[in-house]
Amino acid sequence: MNQEQFEIYRHLAGRLIDGQLSPGSHIESEQELARKFSTTRMNAYRAIKQLERRGIVSRSKRAGTRVSAPVNPNLLRQLKCEMTRRICVIHSRNSYEYLHWTGEFRRTLQQALAAEDFTLEDVHLDDVRDRAELKEKLLRLTETGIAAFILSVRGEEDEFLIENSDLFFQYHNKIFVYQSGAMSWMHWPFHTVTVNIFGEGSLAAKYLMEKGIRKIAYCRREISSKNYLDFNRERLLGVEFTMRRLSDGRNKPEEWVGLEQIYRNCMENGSGCGLIVSTDELAARIIDYFAERGAKRPPEMISFDNNSEYDSYRLTTIAPPHVEMAQTLGRLIFDNIDIDSECDFVSYIKIDSKLIINHQE
């Protein structure tokens, strides 16, 4: 729907929302609307056609265009949502959300949305604990009109949103997901932008092997949660794939779990071993753990997140390109937010992370 069509549609929908048009009411003809908005008859036709698709109006040569059905609460909510330029972000409950919903990401996304006259509003659901409360919250949000929802998800704390994701479709059909890759939304009917976790492992292995390192260990914390294990397993698969590819199948990684095992194995293997560490936070803990025992930091170590809290450790790290991810999400929204867009596919976009080398002094 182009801007001229939208202006006519907004005019008619606004009259329906305000109760100015009731069942049986006559709607201006295409010619009248075209003159009123200084546009073509075809633009007026397409705007009215959209209301016809909604089941609100009917047309005939004898009776003209009339309101054919009352605007029920669900339809009223839909019309209000179509009229607004307000996009709501449902934020993650995970305390590490700041690593993927960064200030840089938000600024870039906000600028992209503002260029199309959309605003971004933050919504936190930390106090929502069951389906009934979520339903009530979504009802209140959509009653005032929302152009789209963005779900920012990161970890198991957001499992609640997955379990009740059908509720979003009850109140809206423009839903987008931006997530860190820690949870898979591939099987859900939402346009998604995420991180190529397999690719992160591949990039880390390539970096170490190009430095001549052939013994590589993937290091993670002692956590047994399914999402944590699945996330690390996908990254480890990327490490193994690249090691085998670059060594014609001769090399494959080990997996070391917990600080004690990481320290013990490093001492046994000497300085020729390269570590791929699951997070910058764990990499910093490894350095501290070694220092407490009088050992030097592992000479060849790469981690993930580019977490500014650990800048003083001068880590070599891998992190998503947040500007590119924000721009991609913005384009995905613009391509699918149009009132009359009936997309017959769901986009699941994985973006490659980048290597960031912070040279040690």
Foldseek 3Di string as FASTA:
>chain_A
DDPLLVVLLLVVLVCLLVVVAAFPDADDQLVVSCVVSVHDSVSSVVSVVLCVVVVQWDADPVSGIGGHDRQDPLNSLVSLQQNAQEEEEEEEPDPCLCLQCPPLLVVLLQVLSVVVPHHYHYDYDPVPDDLVSVLVVLSVVSSNYHLEYEYEYEEPSCVRCVVNVVSCVSRDDHYEYEYAQLDDPPVPQHAYEYAQLLLQLLVLLVVVVVVVQQAEEEEEEPDDDPSNVVSVVSSQNSVQVNSCVVVVHPGHYHYAYHLVRVVVVCVVVDQRYAYEYAAVVVLVVNQVVQVVVVHHRRPHYEYERVDPVNVVVQHWYKYAPSSVSSVVVSVVSVVASNPPDDDPDHHHHHGYIDIDGRDDD
